[in-house]
Full PDB file with SEQRES, HELIX, SHEET, SSBOND, CRYST1, ORIGX, SCALE, CONECT and MASTER records, all heavy atoms in Angstrom:
SEQRES   1 A   44  LEU ASN SER ASP TYR GLY LYS GLU LEU ASP GLU ARG CYS          
SEQRES   2 A   44  ARG ARG VAL CYS GLU VAL PRO SER LEU PRO VAL VAL PHE          
SEQRES   3 A   44  ILE ASP GLY HIS TYR LEU GLY GLY ALA GLU LYS ILE LEU          
SEQRES   4 A   44  LEU MET ASN GLU SER                                          
HELIX    1 AA1 SER A    3  ARG A   15  1                                  13    
HELIX    2 AA2 ALA A   35  GLU A   43  1                                   9    
SHEET    1 AA1 2 VAL A  25  ILE A  27  0                                        
SHEET    2 AA1 2 HIS A  30  GLY A  33 -1                                        
CRYST1    1.000    1.000    1.000  90.00  90.00  90.00 P 1           1          
ORIGX1      1.000000  0.000000  0.000000        0.00000                         
ORIGX2      0.000000  1.000000  0.000000        0.00000                         
ORIGX3      0.000000  0.000000  1.000000        0.00000                         
SCALE1      1.000000  0.000000  0.000000        0.00000                         
SCALE2      0.000000  1.000000  0.000000        0.00000                         
SCALE3      0.000000  0.000000  1.000000        0.00000                         
ATOM      1  N   LEU A   1       0.793  -1.214  -0.025  1.00  0.00           N  
ATOM      2  CA  LEU A   1      -0.001  -0.003  -0.002  1.00  0.00           C  
ATOM      3  C   LEU A   1       0.847   1.271   0.021  1.00  0.00           C  
ATOM      4  O   LEU A   1       0.334   2.317  -0.340  1.00  0.00           O  
ATOM      5  CB  LEU A   1      -0.937   0.014   1.204  1.00  0.00           C  
ATOM      6  CG  LEU A   1      -1.995  -1.122   1.233  1.00  0.00           C  
ATOM      7  CD1 LEU A   1      -2.850  -0.992   2.516  1.00  0.00           C  
ATOM      8  CD2 LEU A   1      -2.823  -1.096   0.005  1.00  0.00           C  
ATOM      9  N   ASN A   2       2.086   1.152   0.361  1.00  0.00           N  
ATOM     10  CA  ASN A   2       2.922   2.382   0.442  1.00  0.00           C  
ATOM     11  C   ASN A   2       4.406   1.917   0.187  1.00  0.00           C  
ATOM     12  O   ASN A   2       4.993   1.189   0.983  1.00  0.00           O  
ATOM     13  CB  ASN A   2       2.835   3.021   1.822  1.00  0.00           C  
ATOM     14  CG  ASN A   2       3.484   4.376   1.891  1.00  0.00           C  
ATOM     15  OD1 ASN A   2       4.313   4.731   1.031  1.00  0.00           O  
ATOM     16  ND2 ASN A   2       3.068   5.165   2.819  1.00  0.00           N  
ATOM     17  N   SER A   3       4.961   2.368  -0.909  1.00  0.00           N  
ATOM     18  CA  SER A   3       6.303   1.977  -1.296  1.00  0.00           C  
ATOM     19  C   SER A   3       7.364   2.506  -0.306  1.00  0.00           C  
ATOM     20  O   SER A   3       8.452   1.963  -0.229  1.00  0.00           O  
ATOM     21  CB  SER A   3       6.650   2.392  -2.715  1.00  0.00           C  
ATOM     22  OG  SER A   3       6.691   3.801  -2.812  1.00  0.00           O  
ATOM     23  N   ASP A   4       7.059   3.604   0.379  1.00  0.00           N  
ATOM     24  CA  ASP A   4       8.027   4.134   1.395  1.00  0.00           C  
ATOM     25  C   ASP A   4       8.279   3.103   2.487  1.00  0.00           C  
ATOM     26  O   ASP A   4       9.400   3.022   2.994  1.00  0.00           O  
ATOM     27  CB  ASP A   4       7.521   5.404   2.005  1.00  0.00           C  
ATOM     28  CG  ASP A   4       7.571   6.591   1.078  1.00  0.00           C  
ATOM     29  OD1 ASP A   4       8.275   6.482   0.037  1.00  0.00           O  
ATOM     30  OD2 ASP A   4       6.875   7.608   1.322  1.00  0.00           O  
ATOM     31  N   TYR A   5       7.296   2.271   2.808  1.00  0.00           N  
ATOM     32  CA  TYR A   5       7.508   1.203   3.799  1.00  0.00           C  
ATOM     33  C   TYR A   5       8.517   0.181   3.298  1.00  0.00           C  
ATOM     34  O   TYR A   5       9.319  -0.312   4.042  1.00  0.00           O  
ATOM     35  CB  TYR A   5       6.204   0.514   4.183  1.00  0.00           C  
ATOM     36  CG  TYR A   5       5.198   1.385   4.908  1.00  0.00           C  
ATOM     37  CD1 TYR A   5       3.861   1.072   4.843  1.00  0.00           C  
ATOM     38  CD2 TYR A   5       5.587   2.471   5.654  1.00  0.00           C  
ATOM     39  CE1 TYR A   5       2.911   1.855   5.526  1.00  0.00           C  
ATOM     40  CE2 TYR A   5       4.668   3.244   6.359  1.00  0.00           C  
ATOM     41  CZ  TYR A   5       3.328   2.915   6.275  1.00  0.00           C  
ATOM     42  OH  TYR A   5       2.384   3.661   6.934  1.00  0.00           O  
ATOM     43  N   GLY A   6       8.440  -0.097   2.011  1.00  0.00           N  
ATOM     44  CA  GLY A   6       9.433  -1.060   1.427  1.00  0.00           C  
ATOM     45  C   GLY A   6      10.838  -0.508   1.491  1.00  0.00           C  
ATOM     46  O   GLY A   6      11.789  -1.258   1.768  1.00  0.00           O  
ATOM     47  N   LYS A   7      11.017   0.798   1.186  1.00  0.00           N  
ATOM     48  CA  LYS A   7      12.316   1.369   1.251  1.00  0.00           C  
ATOM     49  C   LYS A   7      12.835   1.415   2.667  1.00  0.00           C  
ATOM     50  O   LYS A   7      13.984   1.196   2.920  1.00  0.00           O  
ATOM     51  CB  LYS A   7      12.227   2.813   0.634  1.00  0.00           C  
ATOM     52  CG  LYS A   7      11.960   2.843  -0.833  1.00  0.00           C  
ATOM     53  CD  LYS A   7      11.701   4.208  -1.308  1.00  0.00           C  
ATOM     54  CE  LYS A   7      11.169   4.221  -2.747  1.00  0.00           C  
ATOM     55  NZ  LYS A   7      10.736   5.555  -3.158  1.00  0.00           N  
ATOM     56  N   GLU A   8      11.933   1.746   3.582  1.00  0.00           N  
ATOM     57  CA  GLU A   8      12.273   1.743   5.003  1.00  0.00           C  
ATOM     58  C   GLU A   8      12.687   0.366   5.468  1.00  0.00           C  
ATOM     59  O   GLU A   8      13.708   0.216   6.168  1.00  0.00           O  
ATOM     60  CB  GLU A   8      11.036   2.247   5.780  1.00  0.00           C  
ATOM     61  CG  GLU A   8      11.211   2.350   7.260  1.00  0.00           C  
ATOM     62  CD  GLU A   8       9.904   2.807   7.884  1.00  0.00           C  
ATOM     63  OE1 GLU A   8       9.457   3.922   7.597  1.00  0.00           O  
ATOM     64  OE2 GLU A   8       9.361   2.020   8.685  1.00  0.00           O  
ATOM     65  N   LEU A   9      11.971  -0.677   5.063  1.00  0.00           N  
ATOM     66  CA  LEU A   9      12.295  -2.075   5.425  1.00  0.00           C  
ATOM     67  C   LEU A   9      13.670  -2.445   4.867  1.00  0.00           C  
ATOM     68  O   LEU A   9      14.482  -3.060   5.581  1.00  0.00           O  
ATOM     69  CB  LEU A   9      11.217  -3.014   4.937  1.00  0.00           C  
ATOM     70  CG  LEU A   9      11.505  -4.508   5.115  1.00  0.00           C  
ATOM     71  CD1 LEU A   9      11.672  -4.816   6.623  1.00  0.00           C  
ATOM     72  CD2 LEU A   9      10.427  -5.336   4.472  1.00  0.00           C  
ATOM     73  N   ASP A  10      13.915  -2.118   3.593  1.00  0.00           N  
ATOM     74  CA  ASP A  10      15.254  -2.421   3.032  1.00  0.00           C  
ATOM     75  C   ASP A  10      16.357  -1.792   3.830  1.00  0.00           C  
ATOM     76  O   ASP A  10      17.380  -2.442   4.079  1.00  0.00           O  
ATOM     77  CB  ASP A  10      15.306  -1.930   1.552  1.00  0.00           C  
ATOM     78  CG  ASP A  10      14.516  -2.812   0.625  1.00  0.00           C  
ATOM     79  OD1 ASP A  10      14.215  -3.965   0.977  1.00  0.00           O  
ATOM     80  OD2 ASP A  10      14.168  -2.341  -0.488  1.00  0.00           O  
ATOM     81  N   GLU A  11      16.209  -0.557   4.199  1.00  0.00           N  
ATOM     82  CA  GLU A  11      17.239   0.167   4.939  1.00  0.00           C  
ATOM     83  C   GLU A  11      17.456  -0.478   6.300  1.00  0.00           C  
ATOM     84  O   GLU A  11      18.548  -0.741   6.752  1.00  0.00           O  
ATOM     85  CB  GLU A  11      16.860   1.647   5.088  1.00  0.00           C  
ATOM     86  CG  GLU A  11      17.785   2.447   5.996  1.00  0.00           C  
ATOM     87  CD  GLU A  11      19.193   2.542   5.455  1.00  0.00           C  
ATOM     88  OE1 GLU A  11      19.360   2.526   4.235  1.00  0.00           O  
ATOM     89  OE2 GLU A  11      20.122   2.600   6.274  1.00  0.00           O  
ATOM     90  N   ARG A  12      16.327  -0.816   7.010  1.00  0.00           N  
ATOM     91  CA  ARG A  12      16.427  -1.418   8.335  1.00  0.00           C  
ATOM     92  C   ARG A  12      17.063  -2.796   8.290  1.00  0.00           C  
ATOM     93  O   ARG A  12      17.867  -3.147   9.144  1.00  0.00           O  
ATOM     94  CB  ARG A  12      15.072  -1.497   9.013  1.00  0.00           C  
ATOM     95  CG  ARG A  12      14.504  -0.133   9.313  1.00  0.00           C  
ATOM     96  CD  ARG A  12      13.201  -0.231  10.000  1.00  0.00           C  
ATOM     97  NE  ARG A  12      13.427  -0.502  11.409  1.00  0.00           N  
ATOM     98  CZ  ARG A  12      12.472  -0.534  12.344  1.00  0.00           C  
ATOM     99  NH1 ARG A  12      11.253  -0.344  11.988  1.00  0.00           N  
ATOM    100  NH2 ARG A  12      12.802  -0.719  13.566  1.00  0.00           N  
ATOM    101  N   CYS A  13      16.728  -3.607   7.262  1.00  0.00           N  
ATOM    102  CA  CYS A  13      17.297  -4.924   7.105  1.00  0.00           C  
ATOM    103  C   CYS A  13      18.768  -4.845   6.729  1.00  0.00           C  
ATOM    104  O   CYS A  13      19.553  -5.691   7.161  1.00  0.00           O  
ATOM    105  CB  CYS A  13      16.534  -5.771   6.127  1.00  0.00           C  
ATOM    106  SG  CYS A  13      14.931  -6.322   6.788  1.00  0.00           S  
ATOM    107  N   ARG A  14      19.122  -3.886   5.958  1.00  0.00           N  
ATOM    108  CA  ARG A  14      20.546  -3.695   5.567  1.00  0.00           C  
ATOM    109  C   ARG A  14      21.377  -3.372   6.823  1.00  0.00           C  
ATOM    110  O   ARG A  14      22.497  -3.876   6.923  1.00  0.00           O  
ATOM    111  CB  ARG A  14      20.671  -2.533   4.558  1.00  0.00           C  
ATOM    112  CG  ARG A  14      21.997  -2.502   3.861  1.00  0.00           C  
ATOM    113  CD  ARG A  14      22.039  -1.441   2.781  1.00  0.00           C  
ATOM    114  NE  ARG A  14      21.012  -1.586   1.790  1.00  0.00           N  
ATOM    115  CZ  ARG A  14      20.116  -0.626   1.524  1.00  0.00           C  
ATOM    116  NH1 ARG A  14      20.079   0.507   2.133  1.00  0.00           N  
ATOM    117  NH2 ARG A  14      19.159  -0.880   0.614  1.00  0.00           N  
ATOM    118  N   ARG A  15      20.818  -2.609   7.762  1.00  0.00           N  
ATOM    119  CA  ARG A  15      21.547  -2.257   8.983  1.00  0.00           C  
ATOM    120  C   ARG A  15      21.785  -3.491   9.870  1.00  0.00           C  
ATOM    121  O   ARG A  15      22.789  -3.547  10.610  1.00  0.00           O  
ATOM    122  CB  ARG A  15      20.807  -1.233   9.802  1.00  0.00           C  
ATOM    123  CG  ARG A  15      21.100   0.166   9.313  1.00  0.00           C  
ATOM    124  CD  ARG A  15      20.548   1.233  10.244  1.00  0.00           C  
ATOM    125  NE  ARG A  15      19.319   1.701   9.682  1.00  0.00           N  
ATOM    126  CZ  ARG A  15      18.251   2.075  10.376  1.00  0.00           C  
ATOM    127  NH1 ARG A  15      18.256   2.015  11.643  1.00  0.00           N  
ATOM    128  NH2 ARG A  15      17.164   2.472   9.781  1.00  0.00           N  
ATOM    129  N   VAL A  16      20.882  -4.499   9.844  1.00  0.00           N  
ATOM    130  CA  VAL A  16      21.085  -5.669  10.679  1.00  0.00           C  
ATOM    131  C   VAL A  16      21.606  -6.851   9.842  1.00  0.00           C  
ATOM    132  O   VAL A  16      21.621  -7.946  10.293  1.00  0.00           O  
ATOM    133  CB  VAL A  16      19.772  -6.077  11.396  1.00  0.00           C  
ATOM    134  CG1 VAL A  16      19.432  -5.055  12.430  1.00  0.00           C  
ATOM    135  CG2 VAL A  16      18.633  -6.348  10.464  1.00  0.00           C  
ATOM    136  N   CYS A  17      21.994  -6.565   8.582  1.00  0.00           N  
ATOM    137  CA  CYS A  17      22.587  -7.605   7.677  1.00  0.00           C  
ATOM    138  C   CYS A  17      21.632  -8.775   7.449  1.00  0.00           C  
ATOM    139  O   CYS A  17      22.057  -9.946   7.517  1.00  0.00           O  
ATOM    140  CB  CYS A  17      23.917  -8.078   8.208  1.00  0.00           C  
ATOM    141  SG  CYS A  17      25.159  -6.739   8.320  1.00  0.00           S  
ATOM    142  N   GLU A  18      20.376  -8.477   7.241  1.00  0.00           N  
ATOM    143  CA  GLU A  18      19.373  -9.492   6.975  1.00  0.00           C  
ATOM    144  C   GLU A  18      18.777  -9.206   5.585  1.00  0.00           C  
ATOM    145  O   GLU A  18      18.644  -8.089   5.149  1.00  0.00           O  
ATOM    146  CB  GLU A  18      18.253  -9.477   7.994  1.00  0.00           C  
ATOM    147  CG  GLU A  18      18.620 -10.064   9.335  1.00  0.00           C  
ATOM    148  CD  GLU A  18      18.852 -11.559   9.336  1.00  0.00           C  
ATOM    149  OE1 GLU A  18      18.174 -12.244   8.524  1.00  0.00           O  
ATOM    150  OE2 GLU A  18      19.680 -12.067  10.097  1.00  0.00           O  
ATOM    151  N   VAL A  19      18.394 -10.277   4.914  1.00  0.00           N  
ATOM    152  CA  VAL A  19      17.681 -10.111   3.614  1.00  0.00           C  
ATOM    153  C   VAL A  19      16.193 -10.044   3.935  1.00  0.00           C  
ATOM    154  O   VAL A  19      15.670 -10.939   4.621  1.00  0.00           O  
ATOM    155  CB  VAL A  19      17.953 -11.384   2.678  1.00  0.00           C  
ATOM    156  CG1 VAL A  19      17.187 -11.211   1.413  1.00  0.00           C  
ATOM    157  CG2 VAL A  19      19.439 -11.511   2.436  1.00  0.00           C  
ATOM    158  N   PRO A  20      15.515  -8.921   3.521  1.00  0.00           N  
ATOM    159  CA  PRO A  20      14.105  -8.822   3.850  1.00  0.00           C  
ATOM    160  C   PRO A  20      13.277  -9.894   3.189  1.00  0.00           C  
ATOM    161  O   PRO A  20      13.289 -10.076   1.990  1.00  0.00           O  
ATOM    162  CB  PRO A  20      13.750  -7.420   3.391  1.00  0.00           C  
ATOM    163  CG  PRO A  20      14.803  -7.055   2.373  1.00  0.00           C  
ATOM    164  CD  PRO A  20      15.989  -7.855   2.713  1.00  0.00           C  
ATOM    165  N   SER A  21      12.532 -10.651   3.963  1.00  0.00           N  
ATOM    166  CA  SER A  21      11.615 -11.654   3.498  1.00  0.00           C  
ATOM    167  C   SER A  21      10.350 -11.498   4.366  1.00  0.00           C  
ATOM    168  O   SER A  21      10.406 -11.758   5.595  1.00  0.00           O  
ATOM    169  CB  SER A  21      12.222 -13.047   3.652  1.00  0.00           C  
ATOM    170  OG  SER A  21      11.257 -14.034   3.312  1.00  0.00           O  
ATOM    171  N   LEU A  22       9.248 -11.100   3.745  1.00  0.00           N  
ATOM    172  CA  LEU A  22       8.049 -10.783   4.519  1.00  0.00           C  
ATOM    173  C   LEU A  22       7.443 -12.000   5.162  1.00  0.00           C  
ATOM    174  O   LEU A  22       7.477 -13.082   4.585  1.00  0.00           O  
ATOM    175  CB  LEU A  22       7.054 -10.102   3.569  1.00  0.00           C  
ATOM    176  CG  LEU A  22       7.500  -8.760   3.052  1.00  0.00           C  
ATOM    177  CD1 LEU A  22       6.463  -8.266   2.077  1.00  0.00           C  
ATOM    178  CD2 LEU A  22       7.732  -7.739   4.128  1.00  0.00           C  
ATOM    179  N   PRO A  23       6.860 -11.842   6.331  1.00  0.00           N  
ATOM    180  CA  PRO A  23       6.826 -10.639   7.182  1.00  0.00           C  
ATOM    181  C   PRO A  23       8.112 -10.470   7.975  1.00  0.00           C  
ATOM    182  O   PRO A  23       8.879 -11.414   8.142  1.00  0.00           O  
ATOM    183  CB  PRO A  23       5.685 -10.924   8.115  1.00  0.00           C  
ATOM    184  CG  PRO A  23       5.698 -12.412   8.261  1.00  0.00           C  
ATOM    185  CD  PRO A  23       6.138 -12.928   6.930  1.00  0.00           C  
ATOM    186  N   VAL A  24       8.361  -9.204   8.411  1.00  0.00           N  
ATOM    187  CA  VAL A  24       9.504  -8.940   9.221  1.00  0.00           C  
ATOM    188  C   VAL A  24       8.982  -8.211  10.477  1.00  0.00           C  
ATOM    189  O   VAL A  24       8.152  -7.234  10.358  1.00  0.00           O  
ATOM    190  CB  VAL A  24      10.525  -8.040   8.474  1.00  0.00           C  
ATOM    191  CG1 VAL A  24      11.668  -7.592   9.393  1.00  0.00           C  
ATOM    192  CG2 VAL A  24      11.056  -8.729   7.256  1.00  0.00           C  
ATOM    193  N   VAL A  25       9.448  -8.628  11.611  1.00  0.00           N  
ATOM    194  CA  VAL A  25       8.969  -8.060  12.915  1.00  0.00           C  
ATOM    195  C   VAL A  25      10.071  -7.344  13.663  1.00  0.00           C  
ATOM    196  O   VAL A  25      11.179  -7.874  13.762  1.00  0.00           O  
ATOM    197  CB  VAL A  25       8.337  -9.157  13.794  1.00  0.00           C  
ATOM    198  CG1 VAL A  25       7.869  -8.598  15.127  1.00  0.00           C  
ATOM    199  CG2 VAL A  25       7.236  -9.901  13.043  1.00  0.00           C  
ATOM    200  N   PHE A  26       9.768  -6.145  14.164  1.00  0.00           N  
ATOM    201  CA  PHE A  26      10.666  -5.387  15.019  1.00  0.00           C  
ATOM    202  C   PHE A  26       9.937  -5.163  16.306  1.00  0.00           C  
ATOM    203  O   PHE A  26       8.770  -4.743  16.332  1.00  0.00           O  
ATOM    204  CB  PHE A  26      11.059  -4.038  14.389  1.00  0.00           C  
ATOM    205  CG  PHE A  26      11.994  -4.114  13.221  1.00  0.00           C  
ATOM    206  CD1 PHE A  26      11.508  -4.351  11.915  1.00  0.00           C  
ATOM    207  CD2 PHE A  26      13.339  -4.017  13.363  1.00  0.00           C  
ATOM    208  CE1 PHE A  26      12.367  -4.467  10.854  1.00  0.00           C  
ATOM    209  CE2 PHE A  26      14.240  -4.139  12.327  1.00  0.00           C  
ATOM    210  CZ  PHE A  26      13.707  -4.338  11.046  1.00  0.00           C  
ATOM    211  N   ILE A  27      10.614  -5.375  17.450  1.00  0.00           N  
ATOM    212  CA  ILE A  27      10.034  -5.117  18.746  1.00  0.00           C  
ATOM    213  C   ILE A  27      10.998  -4.162  19.469  1.00  0.00           C  
ATOM    214  O   ILE A  27      12.213  -4.456  19.501  1.00  0.00           O  
ATOM    215  CB  ILE A  27       9.800  -6.378  19.560  1.00  0.00           C  
ATOM    216  CG1 ILE A  27       8.714  -7.273  18.925  1.00  0.00           C  
ATOM    217  CG2 ILE A  27       9.387  -6.006  21.008  1.00  0.00           C  
ATOM    218  CD1 ILE A  27       8.362  -8.503  19.666  1.00  0.00           C  
ATOM    219  N   ASP A  28      10.509  -3.075  19.974  1.00  0.00           N  
ATOM    220  CA  ASP A  28      11.336  -2.081  20.623  1.00  0.00           C  
ATOM    221  C   ASP A  28      12.418  -1.534  19.646  1.00  0.00           C  
ATOM    222  O   ASP A  28      13.462  -1.107  20.087  1.00  0.00           O  
ATOM    223  CB  ASP A  28      12.019  -2.639  21.896  1.00  0.00           C  
ATOM    224  CG  ASP A  28      11.083  -2.791  23.026  1.00  0.00           C  
ATOM    225  OD1 ASP A  28      10.042  -2.107  23.034  1.00  0.00           O  
ATOM    226  OD2 ASP A  28      11.375  -3.621  23.921  1.00  0.00           O  
ATOM    227  N   GLY A  29      12.123  -1.595  18.343  1.00  0.00           N  
ATOM    228  CA  GLY A  29      13.085  -1.039  17.372  1.00  0.00           C  
ATOM    229  C   GLY A  29      14.175  -2.035  17.021  1.00  0.00           C  
ATOM    230  O   GLY A  29      15.031  -1.748  16.193  1.00  0.00           O  
ATOM    231  N   HIS A  30      14.112  -3.218  17.611  1.00  0.00           N  
ATOM    232  CA  HIS A  30      15.168  -4.264  17.353  1.00  0.00           C  
ATOM    233  C   HIS A  30      14.563  -5.359  16.468  1.00  0.00           C  
ATOM    234  O   HIS A  30      13.433  -5.788  16.650  1.00  0.00           O  
ATOM    235  CB  HIS A  30      15.634  -4.883  18.683  1.00  0.00           C  
ATOM    236  CG  HIS A  30      16.252  -3.904  19.592  1.00  0.00           C  
ATOM    237  ND1 HIS A  30      17.453  -3.361  19.357  1.00  0.00           N  
ATOM    238  CD2 HIS A  30      15.775  -3.393  20.753  1.00  0.00           C  
ATOM    239  CE1 HIS A  30      17.767  -2.505  20.336  1.00  0.00           C  
ATOM    240  NE2 HIS A  30      16.719  -2.522  21.190  1.00  0.00           N  
ATOM    241  N   TYR A  31      15.380  -5.796  15.508  1.00  0.00           N  
ATOM    242  CA  TYR A  31      14.959  -6.845  14.580  1.00  0.00           C  
ATOM    243  C   TYR A  31      14.708  -8.140  15.340  1.00  0.00           C  
ATOM    244  O   TYR A  31      15.539  -8.600  16.147  1.00  0.00           O  
ATOM    245  CB  TYR A  31      16.068  -7.077  13.564  1.00  0.00           C  
ATOM    246  CG  TYR A  31      15.772  -8.196  12.588  1.00  0.00           C  
ATOM    247  CD1 TYR A  31      14.960  -8.062  11.525  1.00  0.00           C  
ATOM    248  CD2 TYR A  31      16.447  -9.437  12.793  1.00  0.00           C  
ATOM    249  CE1 TYR A  31      14.688  -9.106  10.649  1.00  0.00           C  
ATOM    250  CE2 TYR A  31      16.195 -10.507  11.914  1.00  0.00           C  
ATOM    251  CZ  TYR A  31      15.327 -10.300  10.837  1.00  0.00           C  
ATOM    252  OH  TYR A  31      15.100 -11.370   9.965  1.00  0.00           O  
ATOM    253  N   LEU A  32      13.509  -8.713  15.122  1.00  0.00           N  
ATOM    254  CA  LEU A  32      13.176  -9.960  15.826  1.00  0.00           C  
ATOM    255  C   LEU A  32      13.220 -11.176  14.861  1.00  0.00           C  
ATOM    256  O   LEU A  32      13.791 -12.188  15.159  1.00  0.00           O  
ATOM    257  CB  LEU A  32      11.775  -9.893  16.446  1.00  0.00           C  
ATOM    258  CG  LEU A  32      11.417 -11.052  17.362  1.00  0.00           C  
ATOM    259  CD1 LEU A  32      12.341 -11.120  18.539  1.00  0.00           C  
ATOM    260  CD2 LEU A  32      10.008 -10.904  17.852  1.00  0.00           C  
ATOM    261  N   GLY A  33      12.706 -11.007  13.643  1.00  0.00           N  
ATOM    262  CA  GLY A  33      12.731 -12.053  12.671  1.00  0.00           C  
ATOM    263  C   GLY A  33      11.475 -12.130  11.819  1.00  0.00           C  
ATOM    264  O   GLY A  33      10.679 -11.198  11.831  1.00  0.00           O  
ATOM    265  N   GLY A  34      11.383 -13.254  11.133  1.00  0.00           N  
ATOM    266  CA  GLY A  34      10.232 -13.444  10.257  1.00  0.00           C  
ATOM    267  C   GLY A  34       9.190 -14.394  10.813  1.00  0.00           C  
ATOM    268  O   GLY A  34       9.229 -14.722  12.038  1.00  0.00           O  
ATOM    269  N   ALA A  35       8.411 -14.952   9.960  1.00  0.00           N  
ATOM    270  CA  ALA A  35       7.291 -15.820  10.401  1.00  0.00           C  
ATOM    271  C   ALA A  35       7.803 -17.106  11.112  1.00  0.00           C  
ATOM    272  O   ALA A  35       7.221 -17.471  12.129  1.00  0.00           O  
ATOM    273  CB  ALA A  35       6.427 -16.225   9.152  1.00  0.00           C  
ATOM    274  N   GLU A  36       8.820 -17.718  10.596  1.00  0.00           N  
ATOM    275  CA  GLU A  36       9.308 -18.937  11.221  1.00  0.00           C  
ATOM    276  C   GLU A  36       9.798 -18.687  12.647  1.00  0.00           C  
ATOM    277  O   GLU A  36       9.484 -19.472  13.595  1.00  0.00           O  
ATOM    278  CB  GLU A  36      10.471 -19.584  10.403  1.00  0.00           C  
ATOM    279  CG  GLU A  36      10.045 -20.081   9.045  1.00  0.00           C  
ATOM    280  CD  GLU A  36       9.870 -18.914   7.978  1.00  0.00           C  
ATOM    281  OE1 GLU A  36      10.413 -17.829   8.175  1.00  0.00           O  
ATOM    282  OE2 GLU A  36       9.210 -19.169   6.968  1.00  0.00           O  
ATOM    283  N   LYS A  37      10.553 -17.626  12.841  1.00  0.00           N  
ATOM    284  CA  LYS A  37      11.068 -17.311  14.167  1.00  0.00           C  
ATOM    285  C   LYS A  37       9.899 -16.944  15.131  1.00  0.00           C  
ATOM    286  O   LYS A  37       9.917 -17.393  16.315  1.00  0.00           O  
ATOM    287  CB  LYS A  37      12.063 -16.185  14.106  1.00  0.00           C  
ATOM    288  CG  LYS A  37      12.535 -15.668  15.450  1.00  0.00           C  
ATOM    289  CD  LYS A  37      14.022 -15.723  15.564  1.00  0.00           C  
ATOM    290  CE  LYS A  37      14.415 -15.393  16.952  1.00  0.00           C  
ATOM    291  NZ  LYS A  37      15.557 -14.550  17.044  1.00  0.00           N  
ATOM    292  N   ILE A  38       8.933 -16.162  14.662  1.00  0.00           N  
ATOM    293  CA  ILE A  38       7.777 -15.790  15.461  1.00  0.00           C  
ATOM    294  C   ILE A  38       7.009 -16.997  15.864  1.00  0.00           C  
ATOM    295  O   ILE A  38       6.601 -17.166  17.052  1.00  0.00           O  
ATOM    296  CB  ILE A  38       6.892 -14.757  14.773  1.00  0.00           C  
ATOM    297  CG1 ILE A  38       7.685 -13.502  14.429  1.00  0.00           C  
ATOM    298  CG2 ILE A  38       5.652 -14.454  15.579  1.00  0.00           C  
ATOM    299  CD1 ILE A  38       8.250 -12.760  15.648  1.00  0.00           C  
ATOM    300  N   LEU A  39       6.786 -17.917  14.963  1.00  0.00           N  
ATOM    301  CA  LEU A  39       6.062 -19.126  15.222  1.00  0.00           C  
ATOM    302  C   LEU A  39       6.803 -19.979  16.264  1.00  0.00           C  
ATOM    303  O   LEU A  39       6.133 -20.473  17.238  1.00  0.00           O  
ATOM    304  CB  LEU A  39       5.866 -19.962  13.948  1.00  0.00           C  
ATOM    305  CG  LEU A  39       4.954 -21.196  14.049  1.00  0.00           C  
ATOM    306  CD1 LEU A  39       3.566 -20.817  14.525  1.00  0.00           C  
ATOM    307  CD2 LEU A  39       4.874 -21.860  12.696  1.00  0.00           C  
ATOM    308  N   LEU A  40       8.095 -20.177  16.121  1.00  0.00           N  
ATOM    309  CA  LEU A  40       8.880 -20.935  17.152  1.00  0.00           C  
ATOM    310  C   LEU A  40       8.834 -20.266  18.510  1.00  0.00           C  
ATOM    311  O   LEU A  40       8.689 -20.982  19.547  1.00  0.00           O  
ATOM    312  CB  LEU A  40      10.292 -21.117  16.658  1.00  0.00           C  
ATOM    313  CG  LEU A  40      10.575 -22.040  15.502  1.00  0.00           C  
ATOM    314  CD1 LEU A  40      11.983 -21.962  14.990  1.00  0.00           C  
ATOM    315  CD2 LEU A  40      10.216 -23.461  15.897  1.00  0.00           C  
ATOM    316  N   MET A  41       9.024 -18.961  18.525  1.00  0.00           N  
ATOM    317  CA  MET A  41       8.982 -18.232  19.800  1.00  0.00           C  
ATOM    318  C   MET A  41       7.580 -18.328  20.434  1.00  0.00           C  
ATOM    319  O   MET A  41       7.478 -18.434  21.669  1.00  0.00           O  
ATOM    320  CB  MET A  41       9.379 -16.780  19.617  1.00  0.00           C  
ATOM    321  CG  MET A  41      10.844 -16.620  19.250  1.00  0.00           C  
ATOM    322  SD  MET A  41      11.245 -14.873  18.974  1.00  0.00           S  
ATOM    323  CE  MET A  41      11.259 -14.308  20.704  1.00  0.00           C  
ATOM    324  N   ASN A  42       6.556 -18.289  19.646  1.00  0.00           N  
ATOM    325  CA  ASN A  42       5.192 -18.398  20.168  1.00  0.00           C  
ATOM    326  C   ASN A  42       4.953 -19.786  20.777  1.00  0.00           C  
ATOM    327  O   ASN A  42       4.366 -19.889  21.857  1.00  0.00           O  
ATOM    328  CB  ASN A  42       4.161 -18.103  19.072  1.00  0.00           C  
ATOM    329  CG  ASN A  42       2.761 -18.013  19.586  1.00  0.00           C  
ATOM    330  OD1 ASN A  42       2.519 -17.357  20.555  1.00  0.00           O  
ATOM    331  ND2 ASN A  42       1.876 -18.634  18.885  1.00  0.00           N  
ATOM    332  N   GLU A  43       5.430 -20.813  20.096  1.00  0.00           N  
ATOM    333  CA  GLU A  43       5.225 -22.155  20.586  1.00  0.00           C  
ATOM    334  C   GLU A  43       6.026 -22.459  21.833  1.00  0.00           C  
ATOM    335  O   GLU A  43       5.598 -23.193  22.708  1.00  0.00           O  
ATOM    336  CB  GLU A  43       5.577 -23.153  19.509  1.00  0.00           C  
ATOM    337  CG  GLU A  43       4.529 -23.192  18.394  1.00  0.00           C  
ATOM    338  CD  GLU A  43       4.906 -24.067  17.191  1.00  0.00           C  
ATOM    339  OE1 GLU A  43       6.045 -24.678  17.240  1.00  0.00           O  
ATOM    340  OE2 GLU A  43       4.119 -24.143  16.266  1.00  0.00           O  
ATOM    341  N   SER A  44       7.228 -21.833  21.916  1.00  0.00           N  
ATOM    342  CA  SER A  44       8.069 -22.084  23.127  1.00  0.00           C  
ATOM    343  C   SER A  44       7.722 -21.203  24.324  1.00  0.00           C  
ATOM    344  O   SER A  44       8.194 -21.427  25.448  1.00  0.00           O  
ATOM    345  CB  SER A  44       9.562 -21.876  22.798  1.00  0.00           C  
ATOM    346  OG  SER A  44       9.796 -20.492  22.560  1.00  0.00           O  
TER     347      SER A  44                                                      
MASTER        0    0    0    2    2    0    0    6  346    1    0    4          
END                                                                             
């Protein structure tokens, strides 16, 4: 819906040396991960 979000995501992922693969989650401004990591953390 907004290409600025895509540019923002690219910049943020570049800073943490990650390849952006949707979805991407940040908590407290820190990179947490994608769907697989969120699912594992939720189950544990």
